[in-house]
Amino acid sequence: MSDVFLGDLSQTKLFDIVKPLLVGAKTGIVTISGKENGEIFLDSGNIVHAKTARSSGEEAFLIIMGWRMGRAAFLSDLAPPKKTITVPTENLLLNWSYRKQEWEKIREVVPTPNAVFRLALQKNPEERTIQGEHWNILALSNGARTVTEIARILNGEEFKTSKLIYQLVQEGMLERVEESGPASKKFVKEKFFQTMETELKKVMGPVASVIFEEEFTEFGKSKDAFPHDQVLPFLEALGEEIPNIQGRKEFKKAMLEHLSIEK
């Protein structure tokens, strides 16, 4: 029995992929593979189990539904190994809808997982009671670590970490580190990114343009003001999107050669 490819999350929303399976009362496993891997288990059109590398159950389902990259496939007629989701699927989808709205509010303060925060100067110092989770975030927000790095240290998910940071910013205890002006940073020439997109298309085809733009969104940067010191992490992130190992090597080799010229 083989997987049936359902779609690429860079081109369509996961809900639009899963919806026909729910309506059709299907039983099986929806797998998402890419930077992160996850599984959603269906039983006669009901979502009964979900898991990621670090979570399971309803929280895993909500996390997976927020992913914007990855390839979705379906393996039919396989029963779930266990049931970790007991709420009705209709309520589960409503919870996901609420999570989406919450994300939109958080994104106004924490626009990308690469955003950096630091302790804010207290204009009117006063005694505060700080919860353990908030304390850990404060301790790690040193003006250099990104949201992703903080989440990794705490073995947490991006949503939970971003939400805690959002709360601390609202309380006036954290502030976002603004990027330095153009005069103090060296930026990458736009021609370099044109070359990068061309090389990516050679190994991935037309979908390369979509993935290219998605990575810029993830990094929270624009092509005309992209810091030179972020090129290597950006290149690594793009490389991870190339499923073919040989193609990934060829892409990285070509771009490292161009990068040496760029410097």
Protein backbone atom coordinates (compact mmCIF):
# COMPACT_ATOMS: atom_id res chain seq x y z
CA MET A 1 0.00 0.00 0.00
CA SER A 2 1.48 3.37 -1.05
CA ASP A 3 0.93 6.97 -0.03
CA VAL A 4 -1.27 9.16 -2.22
CA PHE A 5 0.20 12.64 -2.65
CA LEU A 6 -2.33 15.28 -1.60
CA GLY A 7 -0.52 18.56 -2.09
CA ASP A 8 2.27 20.94 -1.14
CA LEU A 9 1.59 23.30 1.77
CA SER A 10 3.53 26.05 0.01
CA GLN A 11 0.77 26.09 -2.58
CA THR A 12 -2.38 25.18 -0.66
CA LYS A 13 -3.67 25.23 2.90
CA LEU A 14 -3.63 22.02 4.89
CA PHE A 15 -7.30 22.43 5.78
CA ASP A 16 -8.23 22.45 2.09
CA ILE A 17 -6.28 19.20 1.72
CA VAL A 18 -7.85 17.49 4.73
CA LYS A 19 -11.43 18.71 4.20
CA PRO A 20 -12.37 16.19 1.43
CA LEU A 21 -11.13 13.35 3.65
CA LEU A 22 -13.37 14.50 6.49
CA VAL A 23 -16.38 14.96 4.22
CA GLY A 24 -15.73 11.55 2.62
CA ALA A 25 -15.57 9.87 6.06
CA LYS A 26 -12.13 8.42 5.25
CA THR A 27 -9.98 6.27 7.53
CA GLY A 28 -6.19 6.53 7.32
CA ILE A 29 -3.17 8.70 8.01
CA VAL A 30 -2.35 12.15 6.66
CA THR A 31 1.44 12.57 6.75
CA ILE A 32 3.26 15.89 6.43
CA SER A 33 6.96 15.76 5.63
CA GLY A 34 9.47 18.56 5.25
CA LYS A 35 11.41 20.63 7.77
CA GLU A 36 9.05 19.14 10.34
CA ASN A 37 7.17 15.86 10.19
CA GLY A 38 3.71 15.16 11.52
CA GLU A 39 0.78 12.78 11.24
CA ILE A 40 -2.99 13.19 11.55
CA PHE A 41 -5.08 10.03 11.97
CA LEU A 42 -8.65 9.77 10.71
CA ASP A 43 -11.27 7.21 11.66
CA SER A 44 -14.40 7.36 9.48
CA GLY A 45 -13.91 11.07 8.93
CA ASN A 46 -13.14 11.87 12.57
CA ILE A 47 -9.76 13.18 13.71
CA VAL A 48 -8.75 10.90 16.58
CA HIS A 49 -4.97 11.20 16.90
CA ALA A 50 -2.12 13.49 15.84
CA LYS A 51 1.56 13.62 16.58
CA THR A 52 4.71 15.63 15.87
CA ALA A 53 8.28 15.05 17.00
CA ARG A 54 7.58 16.67 20.38
CA SER A 55 3.84 16.48 20.99
CA SER A 56 0.69 14.46 20.45
CA GLY A 57 -3.05 14.82 20.69
CA GLU A 58 -4.98 18.06 20.19
CA GLU A 59 -1.91 20.28 20.66
CA ALA A 60 -0.05 18.34 17.93
CA PHE A 61 -3.03 18.78 15.59
CA LEU A 62 -3.13 22.55 16.21
CA ILE A 63 0.61 22.82 15.61
CA ILE A 64 0.46 20.84 12.35
CA MET A 65 -2.44 22.91 11.04
CA GLY A 66 -0.28 26.01 11.38
CA TRP A 67 2.48 24.69 9.12
CA ARG A 68 2.96 26.45 5.79
CA MET A 69 5.63 24.18 4.31
CA GLY A 70 5.77 20.46 3.66
CA ARG A 71 4.31 17.75 1.46
CA ALA A 72 1.04 16.10 2.48
CA ALA A 73 0.17 12.50 1.61
CA PHE A 74 -2.56 10.03 2.63
CA LEU A 75 -2.31 6.35 3.45
CA SER A 76 -5.83 4.93 3.51
CA ASP A 77 -7.57 2.23 5.52
CA LEU A 78 -5.06 2.16 8.37
CA ALA A 79 -6.47 2.31 11.88
CA PRO A 80 -4.83 4.74 14.34
CA PRO A 81 -2.45 3.11 16.87
CA LYS A 82 -4.22 4.98 19.68
CA LYS A 83 -6.71 7.76 20.26
CA THR A 84 -5.37 10.92 21.88
CA ILE A 85 -8.09 13.30 20.67
CA THR A 86 -11.47 12.83 22.32
CA VAL A 87 -13.21 16.09 21.45
CA PRO A 88 -15.58 15.95 18.45
CA THR A 89 -13.91 16.90 15.18
CA GLU A 90 -16.23 19.88 14.77
CA ASN A 91 -15.05 21.31 18.11
CA LEU A 92 -11.45 20.50 17.25
CA LEU A 93 -11.69 22.53 14.05
CA LEU A 94 -13.28 25.40 15.98
CA ASN A 95 -10.35 25.33 18.40
CA TRP A 96 -8.02 25.51 15.41
CA SER A 97 -9.96 28.53 14.11
CA TYR A 98 -9.54 30.27 17.47
CA ARG A 99 -5.81 29.46 17.40
CA LYS A 100 -5.54 31.08 13.96
CA GLN A 101 -7.11 34.28 15.27
CA GLU A 102 -4.77 34.27 18.26
CA TRP A 103 -1.79 33.82 15.94
CA GLU A 104 -2.83 36.89 13.94
CA LYS A 105 -2.80 38.99 17.12
CA ILE A 106 0.56 37.60 18.25
CA ARG A 107 2.12 38.20 14.81
CA GLU A 108 1.60 41.95 15.27
CA VAL A 109 4.22 41.79 18.04
CA VAL A 110 6.21 38.67 17.04
CA PRO A 111 6.17 38.92 13.23
CA THR A 112 8.55 36.01 12.51
CA PRO A 113 10.29 33.18 14.41
CA ASN A 114 13.55 35.02 13.69
CA ALA A 115 12.54 38.08 15.70
CA VAL A 116 14.82 38.96 18.63
CA PHE A 117 13.77 40.42 21.99
CA ARG A 118 15.50 41.87 25.04
CA LEU A 119 14.60 43.16 28.51
CA ALA A 120 12.87 46.53 28.39
CA LEU A 121 13.96 49.40 30.61
CA GLN A 122 11.35 49.84 33.34
CA LYS A 123 10.28 53.49 33.50
CA ASN A 124 8.14 52.94 36.59
CA PRO A 125 9.68 49.98 38.45
CA GLU A 126 7.27 48.07 40.64
CA GLU A 127 7.06 44.68 42.29
CA ARG A 128 5.73 41.96 40.00
CA THR A 129 4.87 38.31 40.37
CA ILE A 130 6.44 36.46 37.47
CA GLN A 131 5.34 32.97 36.55
CA GLY A 132 7.94 30.28 35.91
CA GLU A 133 7.32 30.12 32.13
CA HIS A 134 7.62 33.88 31.82
CA TRP A 135 10.78 33.88 33.93
CA ASN A 136 12.47 31.41 31.58
CA ILE A 137 11.59 33.59 28.58
CA LEU A 138 12.98 36.68 30.33
CA ALA A 139 16.19 34.85 31.20
CA LEU A 140 16.76 33.76 27.59
CA SER A 141 15.78 37.03 25.88
CA ASN A 142 19.28 38.50 25.68
CA GLY A 143 18.91 40.62 22.56
CA ALA A 144 20.62 37.98 20.40
CA ARG A 145 18.53 34.79 20.54
CA THR A 146 15.65 34.42 18.09
CA VAL A 147 12.21 33.13 19.03
CA THR A 148 13.08 29.82 17.37
CA GLU A 149 16.27 29.48 19.42
CA ILE A 150 14.45 30.21 22.68
CA ALA A 151 11.75 27.66 21.84
CA ARG A 152 14.41 25.05 21.07
CA ILE A 153 16.20 25.63 24.38
CA LEU A 154 12.93 25.28 26.28
CA ASN A 155 11.85 22.24 24.23
CA GLY A 156 8.74 24.18 23.38
CA GLU A 157 6.73 24.99 20.27
CA GLU A 158 6.88 28.25 18.35
CA PHE A 159 3.27 29.18 19.17
CA LYS A 160 3.62 28.80 22.93
CA THR A 161 6.95 30.65 23.00
CA SER A 162 5.62 33.46 20.81
CA LYS A 163 2.53 33.78 23.00
CA LEU A 164 4.63 34.12 26.17
CA ILE A 165 6.83 36.74 24.50
CA TYR A 166 3.72 38.59 23.33
CA GLN A 167 2.40 38.68 26.91
CA LEU A 168 5.71 39.99 28.25
CA VAL A 169 5.85 42.71 25.59
CA GLN A 170 2.30 43.73 26.52
CA GLU A 171 3.42 43.92 30.16
CA GLY A 172 6.28 46.19 29.12
CA MET A 173 8.96 43.74 30.25
CA LEU A 174 10.34 42.82 26.83
CA GLU A 175 10.96 44.84 23.70
CA ARG A 176 11.83 43.81 20.18
CA VAL A 177 15.38 44.49 19.01
CA GLU A 178 15.11 46.73 15.98
CA GLU A 179 17.45 46.02 13.10
CA SER A 180 20.35 48.38 12.50
CA GLY A 181 20.05 50.92 9.72
CA PRO A 182 21.53 50.36 6.24
CA ALA A 183 24.66 52.34 7.05
CA SER A 184 25.79 49.91 9.77
CA LYS A 185 25.14 46.65 7.95
CA LYS A 186 26.34 45.06 4.76
CA PHE A 187 23.49 43.90 2.56
CA VAL A 188 23.33 41.30 -0.17
CA LYS A 189 23.00 42.48 -3.76
CA GLU A 190 19.63 41.70 -5.33
CA LYS A 191 21.38 40.06 -8.29
CA PHE A 192 22.65 37.38 -5.91
CA PHE A 193 19.08 36.37 -5.05
CA GLN A 194 18.16 36.25 -8.74
CA THR A 195 20.98 33.76 -9.20
CA MET A 196 19.86 31.82 -6.13
CA GLU A 197 16.29 31.49 -7.43
CA THR A 198 17.57 30.35 -10.83
CA GLU A 199 19.75 27.66 -9.21
CA LEU A 200 16.84 26.51 -7.05
CA LYS A 201 14.60 26.15 -10.11
CA LYS A 202 17.18 23.86 -11.70
CA VAL A 203 16.66 21.27 -8.96
CA MET A 204 13.03 21.92 -7.93
CA GLY A 205 11.23 23.28 -10.98
CA PRO A 206 8.43 25.92 -10.91
CA VAL A 207 7.63 25.38 -7.21
CA ALA A 208 11.03 26.94 -6.40
CA SER A 209 9.66 30.49 -6.70
CA VAL A 210 6.96 29.83 -4.11
CA ILE A 211 9.39 28.21 -1.67
CA PHE A 212 11.85 31.08 -2.25
CA GLU A 213 9.27 33.70 -1.25
CA GLU A 214 8.09 31.63 1.71
CA GLU A 215 11.60 31.57 3.14
CA PHE A 216 11.84 35.36 2.91
CA THR A 217 8.60 35.54 4.89
CA GLU A 218 9.97 33.14 7.50
CA PHE A 219 13.15 35.21 7.87
CA GLY A 220 11.20 38.46 8.02
CA LYS A 221 13.55 40.10 5.52
CA SER A 222 13.27 41.68 2.07
CA LYS A 223 15.54 41.12 -0.92
CA ASP A 224 16.59 44.77 -1.07
CA ALA A 225 17.70 44.87 2.58
CA PHE A 226 18.91 41.38 3.43
CA PRO A 227 21.84 41.32 5.93
CA HIS A 228 24.93 39.57 4.59
CA ASP A 229 25.39 37.66 7.86
CA GLN A 230 22.02 35.95 7.35
CA VAL A 231 22.81 34.51 3.89
CA LEU A 232 24.25 31.19 5.11
CA PRO A 233 21.28 30.38 7.40
CA PHE A 234 18.96 31.34 4.53
CA LEU A 235 20.89 29.09 2.15
CA GLU A 236 20.72 26.20 4.63
CA ALA A 237 16.96 26.67 5.05
CA LEU A 238 16.42 26.59 1.29
CA GLY A 239 18.60 23.51 0.97
CA GLU A 240 16.40 21.65 3.47
CA GLU A 241 13.45 22.13 1.11
CA ILE A 242 15.17 20.16 -1.67
CA PRO A 243 14.07 16.50 -1.30
CA ASN A 244 16.74 15.11 -3.64
CA ILE A 245 20.03 14.78 -1.75
CA GLN A 246 22.20 15.13 -4.86
CA GLY A 247 20.21 18.16 -5.98
CA ARG A 248 20.65 19.69 -2.53
CA LYS A 249 24.43 19.25 -2.74
CA GLU A 250 24.60 20.76 -6.22
CA PHE A 251 22.51 23.74 -5.17
CA LYS A 252 24.62 24.47 -2.09
CA LYS A 253 27.88 24.06 -4.00
CA ALA A 254 26.77 26.46 -6.74
CA MET A 255 25.54 29.07 -4.24
CA LEU A 256 28.66 28.90 -2.08
CA GLU A 257 30.72 29.64 -5.20
CA HIS A 258 28.53 32.64 -6.00
CA LEU A 259 28.71 33.73 -2.35
CA SER A 260 32.50 33.77 -2.45
CA ILE A 261 32.26 36.17 -5.42
CA GLU A 262 29.62 38.24 -3.62
CA LYS A 263 31.96 38.79 -0.66
